[in-house]
Amino acid sequence: MSRKLAQRPGIRPGFTLVELLVVITIIGILAALISVAASLAIVAAKNAAVKSDIDQIDAFLKSYSTEVGVPCFPDFQNQVALDQFTAKAFPRNVETGTGNKPLTLKLGVLLPNEVLAFWMMGFSKDPAHPFTGDGGPLTATWGKNKRYDFDANRLKQNTSSTLAALALFNNSNTTTKIYTYNPPSGLTVPYVYFASTTYGTTPAFNAATGKTTLASLPSYGSTGFGTARPYFAIDPTTFNAGITANPFANPTSFQIICAGIDADYGQAPLTTALVWPAGITYTQTDNDNITNFSKGTLGNEKP
């Protein structure tokens, strides 16, 4: 009788070195793709949060200015606009300042990064004492009657603006604190605000030279985060005395500008005009700026 020898099942060898390297490479590529996608998603989420925040502030300011009866809130660069606002917003104001003159807001004492917080903080409900009454900007309870439901954690006192605070009103006893307001998502460079009423029809037009002097326009900046200044719909340096159109982007309103994820407003020289949406004279750091007149980042709107 013959016996069949039992056959041992075949044993499959382990992964070869080449196979392991291929698997490791594939895993590395997938991890890199996931990391890039996650980073882009985080940036997109932050940009969306900032844009939503700007749009809400934009709606508040437009509603409030309509209520007062002014085109937009002044940016403290035009005394006529400040006086018009004070007269319309507080017609029953009886407060007086230095020289027993009616208490009013003063030209040029707030920087573009400080204006937005000032308008959001509100005034006293006492129509005769809007500045010195309870909740007014000349009291310790300022912000009690805030007109906009801002995030107090993003409101930052600007301790470097003590002198500006002392000159905010025509009142030598002013002790107002000055604040800035930061965007959401942990961004630390504040919003800036520019009003169309500052520019008229031909901003800073110099009849002697026949050119617009851009260096004289309001701006805000510092080492480390560039310089914020207004954006134009057309290049104002091409204007002459016969031009009547306002080249300001948002010509009947205002501009709110966020420095974006890179925390830099832009690096273009002050003597050049930033033209939106064409992107003329934009620097790389302008591209991720977010505004109330753009749909998203400025770079995404360039032709």
C-alpha atoms as a PDB file:
ATOM      1  CA  MET A   1       0.000   0.000   0.000  1.00  0.00           C
ATOM      2  CA  SER A   2       1.455   3.265  -1.000  1.00  0.00           C
ATOM      3  CA  ARG A   3       1.236   6.361   1.220  1.00  0.00           C
ATOM      4  CA  LYS A   4       0.919   9.855  -0.090  1.00  0.00           C
ATOM      5  CA  LEU A   5       3.137  12.291   1.593  1.00  0.00           C
ATOM      6  CA  ALA A   6       1.275  15.235   3.131  1.00  0.00           C
ATOM      7  CA  GLN A   7       2.067  18.452   1.381  1.00  0.00           C
ATOM      8  CA  ARG A   8       2.773  21.496   3.504  1.00  0.00           C
ATOM      9  CA  PRO A   9       0.821  24.487   2.405  1.00  0.00           C
ATOM     10  CA  GLY A  10       2.887  27.164   0.682  1.00  0.00           C
ATOM     11  CA  ILE A  11       4.161  29.915   2.924  1.00  0.00           C
ATOM     12  CA  ARG A  12       3.894  33.413   1.427  1.00  0.00           C
ATOM     13  CA  PRO A  13       7.025  35.432   2.035  1.00  0.00           C
ATOM     14  CA  GLY A  14       6.757  38.845   3.904  1.00  0.00           C
ATOM     15  CA  PHE A  15       6.815  42.271   2.270  1.00  0.00           C
ATOM     16  CA  THR A  16       9.914  43.027   0.370  1.00  0.00           C
ATOM     17  CA  LEU A  17      11.896  46.166   1.101  1.00  0.00           C
ATOM     18  CA  VAL A  18      10.696  47.701  -2.154  1.00  0.00           C
ATOM     19  CA  GLU A  19       7.045  47.056  -1.269  1.00  0.00           C
ATOM     20  CA  LEU A  20       7.509  48.627   2.164  1.00  0.00           C
ATOM     21  CA  LEU A  21       9.106  51.691   0.645  1.00  0.00           C
ATOM     22  CA  VAL A  22       6.232  52.039  -1.831  1.00  0.00           C
ATOM     23  CA  VAL A  23       3.661  51.819   0.981  1.00  0.00           C
ATOM     24  CA  ILE A  24       5.549  54.350   3.092  1.00  0.00           C
ATOM     25  CA  THR A  25       5.781  56.730   0.130  1.00  0.00           C
ATOM     26  CA  ILE A  26       2.059  56.454  -0.575  1.00  0.00           C
ATOM     27  CA  ILE A  27       1.238  57.116   3.080  1.00  0.00           C
ATOM     28  CA  GLY A  28       3.533  60.161   3.037  1.00  0.00           C
ATOM     29  CA  ILE A  29       1.878  61.562  -0.083  1.00  0.00           C
ATOM     30  CA  LEU A  30      -1.603  61.050   1.375  1.00  0.00           C
ATOM     31  CA  ALA A  31      -0.567  62.694   4.648  1.00  0.00           C
ATOM     32  CA  ALA A  32       0.847  65.676   2.760  1.00  0.00           C
ATOM     33  CA  LEU A  33      -2.337  66.024   0.700  1.00  0.00           C
ATOM     34  CA  ILE A  34      -4.486  65.829   3.818  1.00  0.00           C
ATOM     35  CA  SER A  35      -2.280  68.410   5.563  1.00  0.00           C
ATOM     36  CA  VAL A  36      -2.530  70.838   2.624  1.00  0.00           C
ATOM     37  CA  ALA A  37      -6.286  70.317   2.361  1.00  0.00           C
ATOM     38  CA  ALA A  38      -6.675  70.854   6.111  1.00  0.00           C
ATOM     39  CA  SER A  39      -4.598  74.058   5.985  1.00  0.00           C
ATOM     40  CA  LEU A  40      -6.635  75.401   3.073  1.00  0.00           C
ATOM     41  CA  ALA A  41      -9.851  74.536   4.881  1.00  0.00           C
ATOM     42  CA  ILE A  42      -8.672  76.370   8.012  1.00  0.00           C
ATOM     43  CA  VAL A  43      -7.734  79.473   5.979  1.00  0.00           C
ATOM     44  CA  ALA A  44     -11.056  79.362   4.116  1.00  0.00           C
ATOM     45  CA  ALA A  45     -12.961  79.074   7.411  1.00  0.00           C
ATOM     46  CA  LYS A  46     -11.090  82.028   8.927  1.00  0.00           C
ATOM     47  CA  ASN A  47     -11.663  84.149   5.818  1.00  0.00           C
ATOM     48  CA  ALA A  48     -15.369  83.288   5.853  1.00  0.00           C
ATOM     49  CA  ALA A  49     -15.624  84.225   9.545  1.00  0.00           C
ATOM     50  CA  VAL A  50     -13.915  87.569   8.918  1.00  0.00           C
ATOM     51  CA  LYS A  51     -16.079  88.354   5.895  1.00  0.00           C
ATOM     52  CA  SER A  52     -19.242  87.532   7.843  1.00  0.00           C
ATOM     53  CA  ASP A  53     -18.090  89.759  10.712  1.00  0.00           C
ATOM     54  CA  ILE A  54     -17.312  92.653   8.349  1.00  0.00           C
ATOM     55  CA  ASP A  55     -20.687  92.306   6.628  1.00  0.00           C
ATOM     56  CA  GLN A  56     -22.493  92.498   9.989  1.00  0.00           C
ATOM     57  CA  ILE A  57     -20.548  95.629  10.994  1.00  0.00           C
ATOM     58  CA  ASP A  58     -21.213  97.107   7.541  1.00  0.00           C
ATOM     59  CA  ALA A  59     -24.966  96.547   7.935  1.00  0.00           C
ATOM     60  CA  PHE A  60     -24.935  98.113  11.415  1.00  0.00           C
ATOM     61  CA  LEU A  61     -23.060 101.226  10.286  1.00  0.00           C
ATOM     62  CA  LYS A  62     -25.309 101.752   7.265  1.00  0.00           C
ATOM     63  CA  SER A  63     -28.438 101.364   9.360  1.00  0.00           C
ATOM     64  CA  TYR A  64     -27.104 103.687  12.071  1.00  0.00           C
ATOM     65  CA  SER A  65     -25.980 106.361   9.575  1.00  0.00           C
ATOM     66  CA  THR A  66     -29.395 106.253   7.878  1.00  0.00           C
ATOM     67  CA  GLU A  67     -31.004 106.733  11.283  1.00  0.00           C
ATOM     68  CA  VAL A  68     -28.803 109.764  11.954  1.00  0.00           C
ATOM     69  CA  GLY A  69     -29.227 111.128   8.430  1.00  0.00           C
ATOM     70  CA  VAL A  70     -25.593 111.175   7.267  1.00  0.00           C
ATOM     71  CA  PRO A  71     -24.007 109.388   4.265  1.00  0.00           C
ATOM     72  CA  CYS A  72     -21.630 107.506   6.550  1.00  0.00           C
ATOM     73  CA  PHE A  73     -19.844 107.879   9.844  1.00  0.00           C
ATOM     74  CA  PRO A  74     -16.860 110.255   9.694  1.00  0.00           C
ATOM     75  CA  ASP A  75     -13.327 108.877   9.959  1.00  0.00           C
ATOM     76  CA  PHE A  76     -12.082 111.975  11.845  1.00  0.00           C
ATOM     77  CA  GLN A  77     -10.286 113.286   8.756  1.00  0.00           C
ATOM     78  CA  ASN A  78     -12.949 115.833   7.744  1.00  0.00           C
ATOM     79  CA  GLN A  79     -14.143 118.437  10.264  1.00  0.00           C
ATOM     80  CA  VAL A  80     -17.202 119.359   8.194  1.00  0.00           C
ATOM     81  CA  ALA A  81     -18.369 115.732   8.279  1.00  0.00           C
ATOM     82  CA  LEU A  82     -17.758 115.563  12.045  1.00  0.00           C
ATOM     83  CA  ASP A  83     -19.751 118.747  12.667  1.00  0.00           C
ATOM     84  CA  GLN A  84     -22.607 117.546  10.447  1.00  0.00           C
ATOM     85  CA  PHE A  85     -22.759 114.255  12.313  1.00  0.00           C
ATOM     86  CA  THR A  86     -22.735 115.937  15.738  1.00  0.00           C
ATOM     87  CA  ALA A  87     -25.503 118.375  14.725  1.00  0.00           C
ATOM     88  CA  LYS A  88     -27.765 115.669  13.305  1.00  0.00           C
ATOM     89  CA  ALA A  89     -27.107 112.958  15.878  1.00  0.00           C
ATOM     90  CA  PHE A  90     -27.369 115.217  18.937  1.00  0.00           C
ATOM     91  CA  PRO A  91     -29.610 118.204  18.090  1.00  0.00           C
ATOM     92  CA  ARG A  92     -30.478 118.731  21.775  1.00  0.00           C
ATOM     93  CA  ASN A  93     -26.883 118.629  23.019  1.00  0.00           C
ATOM     94  CA  VAL A  94     -26.169 121.423  25.527  1.00  0.00           C
ATOM     95  CA  GLU A  95     -22.660 120.332  26.526  1.00  0.00           C
ATOM     96  CA  THR A  96     -19.820 122.831  26.224  1.00  0.00           C
ATOM     97  CA  GLY A  97     -16.069 122.427  26.107  1.00  0.00           C
ATOM     98  CA  THR A  98     -13.029 124.684  26.082  1.00  0.00           C
ATOM     99  CA  GLY A  99     -13.956 128.373  25.820  1.00  0.00           C
ATOM    100  CA  ASN A 100     -17.569 127.516  26.576  1.00  0.00           C
ATOM    101  CA  LYS A 101     -18.005 126.412  22.970  1.00  0.00           C
ATOM    102  CA  PRO A 102     -20.396 123.545  22.053  1.00  0.00           C
ATOM    103  CA  LEU A 103     -18.736 120.216  22.719  1.00  0.00           C
ATOM    104  CA  THR A 104     -17.920 118.522  19.439  1.00  0.00           C
ATOM    105  CA  LEU A 105     -15.592 115.933  17.948  1.00  0.00           C
ATOM    106  CA  LYS A 106     -12.227 117.137  16.677  1.00  0.00           C
ATOM    107  CA  LEU A 107     -10.438 116.560  13.414  1.00  0.00           C
ATOM    108  CA  GLY A 108      -7.574 114.081  13.104  1.00  0.00           C
ATOM    109  CA  VAL A 109      -7.408 112.787  16.667  1.00  0.00           C
ATOM    110  CA  LEU A 110      -8.347 109.192  15.925  1.00  0.00           C
ATOM    111  CA  LEU A 111      -6.375 106.894  13.634  1.00  0.00           C
ATOM    112  CA  PRO A 112      -8.138 104.692  11.058  1.00  0.00           C
ATOM    113  CA  ASN A 113      -7.674 101.662  13.345  1.00  0.00           C
ATOM    114  CA  GLU A 114      -9.448 103.462  16.225  1.00  0.00           C
ATOM    115  CA  VAL A 115     -12.519 104.886  14.478  1.00  0.00           C
ATOM    116  CA  LEU A 116     -14.593 101.710  14.182  1.00  0.00           C
ATOM    117  CA  ALA A 117     -14.522 100.920  17.901  1.00  0.00           C
ATOM    118  CA  PHE A 118     -15.453 104.519  18.729  1.00  0.00           C
ATOM    119  CA  TRP A 119     -18.703 104.365  16.728  1.00  0.00           C
ATOM    120  CA  MET A 120     -19.623 100.935  18.085  1.00  0.00           C
ATOM    121  CA  MET A 121     -19.227 101.953  21.753  1.00  0.00           C
ATOM    122  CA  GLY A 122     -22.261 104.265  21.684  1.00  0.00           C
ATOM    123  CA  PHE A 123     -23.236 107.437  23.547  1.00  0.00           C
ATOM    124  CA  SER A 124     -25.310 108.461  26.546  1.00  0.00           C
ATOM    125  CA  LYS A 125     -29.076 108.082  26.264  1.00  0.00           C
ATOM    126  CA  ASP A 126     -29.409 111.579  27.717  1.00  0.00           C
ATOM    127  CA  PRO A 127     -30.128 113.690  24.582  1.00  0.00           C
ATOM    128  CA  ALA A 128     -28.795 116.832  26.281  1.00  0.00           C
ATOM    129  CA  HIS A 129     -25.531 115.171  27.384  1.00  0.00           C
ATOM    130  CA  PRO A 130     -24.562 112.522  24.794  1.00  0.00           C
ATOM    131  CA  PHE A 131     -20.837 112.743  25.640  1.00  0.00           C
ATOM    132  CA  THR A 132     -20.792 113.367  29.397  1.00  0.00           C
ATOM    133  CA  GLY A 133     -24.021 111.586  30.407  1.00  0.00           C
ATOM    134  CA  ASP A 134     -24.082 108.019  31.722  1.00  0.00           C
ATOM    135  CA  GLY A 135     -22.595 105.698  29.113  1.00  0.00           C
ATOM    136  CA  GLY A 136     -21.073 108.542  27.111  1.00  0.00           C
ATOM    137  CA  PRO A 137     -17.466 108.507  25.847  1.00  0.00           C
ATOM    138  CA  LEU A 138     -16.386 111.001  28.517  1.00  0.00           C
ATOM    139  CA  THR A 139     -17.450 108.713  31.355  1.00  0.00           C
ATOM    140  CA  ALA A 140     -16.189 105.578  33.076  1.00  0.00           C
ATOM    141  CA  THR A 141     -19.307 103.746  31.853  1.00  0.00           C
ATOM    142  CA  TRP A 142     -18.613 104.232  28.146  1.00  0.00           C
ATOM    143  CA  GLY A 143     -19.796 101.164  26.245  1.00  0.00           C
ATOM    144  CA  LYS A 144     -22.790 100.661  28.519  1.00  0.00           C
ATOM    145  CA  ASN A 145     -25.067 101.857  25.710  1.00  0.00           C
ATOM    146  CA  LYS A 146     -23.186 100.201  22.879  1.00  0.00           C
ATOM    147  CA  ARG A 147     -24.959 100.419  19.533  1.00  0.00           C
ATOM    148  CA  TYR A 148     -23.406  97.231  18.177  1.00  0.00           C
ATOM    149  CA  ASP A 149     -23.184  93.896  19.973  1.00  0.00           C
ATOM    150  CA  PHE A 150     -19.423  93.581  19.561  1.00  0.00           C
ATOM    151  CA  ASP A 151     -17.218  90.873  21.089  1.00  0.00           C
ATOM    152  CA  ALA A 152     -15.622  92.544  24.117  1.00  0.00           C
ATOM    153  CA  ASN A 153     -12.694  90.107  23.944  1.00  0.00           C
ATOM    154  CA  ARG A 154     -11.703  91.617  20.601  1.00  0.00           C
ATOM    155  CA  LEU A 155     -11.879  95.194  21.845  1.00  0.00           C
ATOM    156  CA  LYS A 156      -8.367  96.348  22.757  1.00  0.00           C
ATOM    157  CA  GLN A 157      -7.391  99.545  24.538  1.00  0.00           C
ATOM    158  CA  ASN A 158      -4.822 101.474  22.544  1.00  0.00           C
ATOM    159  CA  THR A 159      -2.634 102.768  25.357  1.00  0.00           C
ATOM    160  CA  SER A 160      -0.318 104.505  22.885  1.00  0.00           C
ATOM    161  CA  SER A 161      -3.072 106.997  21.974  1.00  0.00           C
ATOM    162  CA  THR A 162      -3.238 108.882  25.281  1.00  0.00           C
ATOM    163  CA  LEU A 163      -2.528 112.248  23.656  1.00  0.00           C
ATOM    164  CA  ALA A 164      -5.165 111.647  21.006  1.00  0.00           C
ATOM    165  CA  ALA A 165      -7.655 110.850  23.759  1.00  0.00           C
ATOM    166  CA  LEU A 166      -6.959 114.176  25.461  1.00  0.00           C
ATOM    167  CA  ALA A 167      -7.705 116.005  22.218  1.00  0.00           C
ATOM    168  CA  LEU A 168     -10.700 113.935  21.077  1.00  0.00           C
ATOM    169  CA  PHE A 169     -13.137 116.667  22.051  1.00  0.00           C
ATOM    170  CA  ASN A 170     -12.622 120.401  22.394  1.00  0.00           C
ATOM    171  CA  ASN A 171     -12.376 119.797  26.124  1.00  0.00           C
ATOM    172  CA  SER A 172      -9.071 119.962  27.974  1.00  0.00           C
ATOM    173  CA  ASN A 173     -10.391 117.637  30.702  1.00  0.00           C
ATOM    174  CA  THR A 174     -11.095 114.706  28.385  1.00  0.00           C
ATOM    175  CA  THR A 175      -9.935 111.326  29.725  1.00  0.00           C
ATOM    176  CA  THR A 176     -11.495 109.071  27.096  1.00  0.00           C
ATOM    177  CA  LYS A 177      -9.886 105.695  26.525  1.00  0.00           C
ATOM    178  CA  ILE A 178      -9.151 104.807  22.913  1.00  0.00           C
ATOM    179  CA  TYR A 179      -9.882 101.323  21.556  1.00  0.00           C
ATOM    180  CA  THR A 180      -9.261  99.215  18.468  1.00  0.00           C
ATOM    181  CA  TYR A 181     -11.335  96.237  17.305  1.00  0.00           C
ATOM    182  CA  ASN A 182      -9.746  93.027  16.049  1.00  0.00           C
ATOM    183  CA  PRO A 183     -11.220  90.560  13.538  1.00  0.00           C
ATOM    184  CA  PRO A 184     -12.364  87.103  14.712  1.00  0.00           C
ATOM    185  CA  SER A 185     -10.447  83.806  14.383  1.00  0.00           C
ATOM    186  CA  GLY A 186      -7.595  84.997  16.575  1.00  0.00           C
ATOM    187  CA  LEU A 187      -6.360  87.682  14.149  1.00  0.00           C
ATOM    188  CA  THR A 188      -4.534  90.409  16.065  1.00  0.00           C
ATOM    189  CA  VAL A 189      -4.164  93.270  13.552  1.00  0.00           C
ATOM    190  CA  PRO A 190      -7.212  95.552  13.950  1.00  0.00           C
ATOM    191  CA  TYR A 191      -9.780  96.581  11.383  1.00  0.00           C
ATOM    192  CA  VAL A 192      -9.314 100.004   9.793  1.00  0.00           C
ATOM    193  CA  TYR A 193     -12.048 102.372   8.622  1.00  0.00           C
ATOM    194  CA  PHE A 194     -12.052 105.011   5.874  1.00  0.00           C
ATOM    195  CA  ALA A 195     -15.058 107.231   5.023  1.00  0.00           C
ATOM    196  CA  SER A 196     -15.898 108.415   1.514  1.00  0.00           C
ATOM    197  CA  THR A 197     -16.775 111.867   2.914  1.00  0.00           C
ATOM    198  CA  THR A 198     -13.076 112.490   3.524  1.00  0.00           C
ATOM    199  CA  TYR A 199     -12.216 112.458  -0.159  1.00  0.00           C
ATOM    200  CA  GLY A 200     -14.783 114.623  -1.922  1.00  0.00           C
ATOM    201  CA  THR A 201     -14.594 114.361  -5.705  1.00  0.00           C
ATOM    202  CA  THR A 202     -10.842 114.557  -6.250  1.00  0.00           C
ATOM    203  CA  PRO A 203      -9.009 113.519  -3.066  1.00  0.00           C
ATOM    204  CA  ALA A 204      -6.100 115.773  -2.109  1.00  0.00           C
ATOM    205  CA  PHE A 205      -6.016 117.285  -5.618  1.00  0.00           C
ATOM    206  CA  ASN A 206      -3.179 119.771  -5.997  1.00  0.00           C
ATOM    207  CA  ALA A 207      -4.090 122.436  -8.559  1.00  0.00           C
ATOM    208  CA  ALA A 208      -0.475 123.650  -8.765  1.00  0.00           C
ATOM    209  CA  THR A 209       0.926 120.283  -9.842  1.00  0.00           C
ATOM    210  CA  GLY A 210      -2.229 118.960 -11.494  1.00  0.00           C
ATOM    211  CA  LYS A 211      -1.908 115.717  -9.557  1.00  0.00           C
ATOM    212  CA  THR A 212      -3.477 114.015  -6.578  1.00  0.00           C
ATOM    213  CA  THR A 213      -1.183 113.902  -3.569  1.00  0.00           C
ATOM    214  CA  LEU A 214      -1.750 110.411  -2.235  1.00  0.00           C
ATOM    215  CA  ALA A 215       0.763 110.773   0.565  1.00  0.00           C
ATOM    216  CA  SER A 216      -1.600 113.215   2.257  1.00  0.00           C
ATOM    217  CA  LEU A 217      -4.457 110.703   2.490  1.00  0.00           C
ATOM    218  CA  PRO A 218      -5.145 109.029   5.848  1.00  0.00           C
ATOM    219  CA  SER A 219      -3.347 105.767   6.460  1.00  0.00           C
ATOM    220  CA  TYR A 220      -2.464 103.445   9.293  1.00  0.00           C
ATOM    221  CA  GLY A 221       0.543 101.212   9.588  1.00  0.00           C
ATOM    222  CA  SER A 222       3.560 100.102  11.505  1.00  0.00           C
ATOM    223  CA  THR A 223       6.649  97.959  11.136  1.00  0.00           C
ATOM    224  CA  GLY A 224       5.534  94.362  10.894  1.00  0.00           C
ATOM    225  CA  PHE A 225       2.073  94.719   9.399  1.00  0.00           C
ATOM    226  CA  GLY A 226       2.401  97.143   6.491  1.00  0.00           C
ATOM    227  CA  THR A 227       0.255 100.186   5.804  1.00  0.00           C
ATOM    228  CA  ALA A 228      -3.502 100.344   5.333  1.00  0.00           C
ATOM    229  CA  ARG A 229      -4.949 103.057   3.109  1.00  0.00           C
ATOM    230  CA  PRO A 230      -8.077 103.456   0.999  1.00  0.00           C
ATOM    231  CA  TYR A 231      -8.691 101.535  -2.213  1.00  0.00           C
ATOM    232  CA  PHE A 232      -9.854 103.313  -5.362  1.00  0.00           C
ATOM    233  CA  ALA A 233     -12.085 102.173  -8.195  1.00  0.00           C
ATOM    234  CA  ILE A 234      -9.949 104.145 -10.661  1.00  0.00           C
ATOM    235  CA  ASP A 235      -6.500 105.665 -10.329  1.00  0.00           C
ATOM    236  CA  PRO A 236      -6.969 109.150  -8.814  1.00  0.00           C
ATOM    237  CA  THR A 237      -3.488 110.254  -9.890  1.00  0.00           C
ATOM    238  CA  THR A 238      -4.849 110.457 -13.451  1.00  0.00           C
ATOM    239  CA  PHE A 239      -7.460 113.005 -12.403  1.00  0.00           C
ATOM    240  CA  ASN A 240      -7.471 116.666 -13.208  1.00  0.00           C
ATOM    241  CA  ALA A 241      -9.542 119.584 -11.939  1.00  0.00           C
ATOM    242  CA  GLY A 242     -12.365 118.826 -14.378  1.00  0.00           C
ATOM    243  CA  ILE A 243     -13.084 115.333 -13.034  1.00  0.00           C
ATOM    244  CA  THR A 244     -16.252 115.165 -10.909  1.00  0.00           C
ATOM    245  CA  ALA A 245     -16.506 111.445 -10.125  1.00  0.00           C
ATOM    246  CA  ASN A 246     -15.385 110.112  -6.766  1.00  0.00           C
ATOM    247  CA  PRO A 247     -12.736 107.439  -7.415  1.00  0.00           C
ATOM    248  CA  PHE A 248     -13.103 105.955  -3.925  1.00  0.00           C
ATOM    249  CA  ALA A 249     -14.184 102.288  -3.863  1.00  0.00           C
ATOM    250  CA  ASN A 250     -17.630 102.465  -2.207  1.00  0.00           C
ATOM    251  CA  PRO A 251     -17.947 106.118  -3.328  1.00  0.00           C
ATOM    252  CA  THR A 252     -21.025 106.938  -1.217  1.00  0.00           C
ATOM    253  CA  SER A 253     -20.131 104.874   1.801  1.00  0.00           C
ATOM    254  CA  PHE A 254     -17.051 103.660   3.685  1.00  0.00           C
ATOM    255  CA  GLN A 255     -14.356 101.008   3.693  1.00  0.00           C
ATOM    256  CA  ILE A 256     -13.640  98.435   6.405  1.00  0.00           C
ATOM    257  CA  ILE A 257     -10.351  96.637   5.783  1.00  0.00           C
ATOM    258  CA  CYS A 258      -8.897  93.538   7.440  1.00  0.00           C
ATOM    259  CA  ALA A 259      -5.194  92.772   7.046  1.00  0.00           C
ATOM    260  CA  GLY A 260      -5.982  89.102   6.380  1.00  0.00           C
ATOM    261  CA  ILE A 261      -4.390  85.885   7.543  1.00  0.00           C
ATOM    262  CA  ASP A 262      -0.862  87.187   6.932  1.00  0.00           C
ATOM    263  CA  ALA A 263      -1.479  90.114   9.346  1.00  0.00           C
ATOM    264  CA  ASP A 264      -0.150  92.608   6.794  1.00  0.00           C
ATOM    265  CA  TYR A 265      -2.203  95.355   5.121  1.00  0.00           C
ATOM    266  CA  GLY A 266       0.208  95.843   2.217  1.00  0.00           C
ATOM    267  CA  GLN A 267       3.655  97.166   1.378  1.00  0.00           C
ATOM    268  CA  ALA A 268       3.050  99.479  -1.608  1.00  0.00           C
ATOM    269  CA  PRO A 269       4.533 103.011  -1.364  1.00  0.00           C
ATOM    270  CA  LEU A 270       2.115 105.677  -0.119  1.00  0.00           C
ATOM    271  CA  THR A 271       2.574 107.647  -3.332  1.00  0.00           C
ATOM    272  CA  THR A 272       0.940 104.903  -5.435  1.00  0.00           C
ATOM    273  CA  ALA A 273      -2.797 104.289  -5.784  1.00  0.00           C
ATOM    274  CA  LEU A 274      -4.282 100.891  -4.896  1.00  0.00           C
ATOM    275  CA  VAL A 275      -6.934 100.240  -7.557  1.00  0.00           C
ATOM    276  CA  TRP A 276      -9.638  97.646  -6.915  1.00  0.00           C
ATOM    277  CA  PRO A 277     -10.584  95.188  -8.372  1.00  0.00           C
ATOM    278  CA  ALA A 278      -7.880  95.472 -11.026  1.00  0.00           C
ATOM    279  CA  GLY A 279      -5.170  94.908  -8.437  1.00  0.00           C
ATOM    280  CA  ILE A 280      -3.029  97.784  -9.741  1.00  0.00           C
ATOM    281  CA  THR A 281       0.005  98.343  -7.466  1.00  0.00           C
ATOM    282  CA  TYR A 282      -1.117  95.566  -5.105  1.00  0.00           C
ATOM    283  CA  THR A 283       1.706  93.869  -3.279  1.00  0.00           C
ATOM    284  CA  GLN A 284       1.517  90.192  -2.352  1.00  0.00           C
ATOM    285  CA  THR A 285       0.279  91.111   1.106  1.00  0.00           C
ATOM    286  CA  ASP A 286      -2.700  93.054  -0.301  1.00  0.00           C
ATOM    287  CA  ASN A 287      -4.085  89.919  -1.905  1.00  0.00           C
ATOM    288  CA  ASP A 288      -5.464  88.314   1.253  1.00  0.00           C
ATOM    289  CA  ASN A 289      -6.998  91.533   2.612  1.00  0.00           C
ATOM    290  CA  ILE A 290     -10.759  91.299   3.191  1.00  0.00           C
ATOM    291  CA  THR A 291     -13.119  94.280   2.932  1.00  0.00           C
ATOM    292  CA  ASN A 292     -16.782  95.243   3.061  1.00  0.00           C
ATOM    293  CA  PHE A 293     -16.800  96.110  -0.659  1.00  0.00           C
ATOM    294  CA  SER A 294     -15.268  92.841  -1.915  1.00  0.00           C
ATOM    295  CA  LYS A 295     -16.867  89.400  -2.019  1.00  0.00           C
ATOM    296  CA  GLY A 296     -13.885  87.815  -0.351  1.00  0.00           C
ATOM    297  CA  THR A 297     -10.148  88.348  -0.445  1.00  0.00           C
ATOM    298  CA  LEU A 298      -8.953  91.069  -2.825  1.00  0.00           C
ATOM    299  CA  GLY A 299      -6.621  88.700  -4.647  1.00  0.00           C
ATOM    300  CA  ASN A 300      -9.521  86.451  -5.665  1.00  0.00           C
ATOM    301  CA  GLU A 301     -11.246  89.367  -7.419  1.00  0.00           C
ATOM    302  CA  LYS A 302      -8.398  90.433  -9.663  1.00  0.00           C
ATOM    303  CA  PRO A 303      -9.217  89.947 -13.373  1.00  0.00           C
END
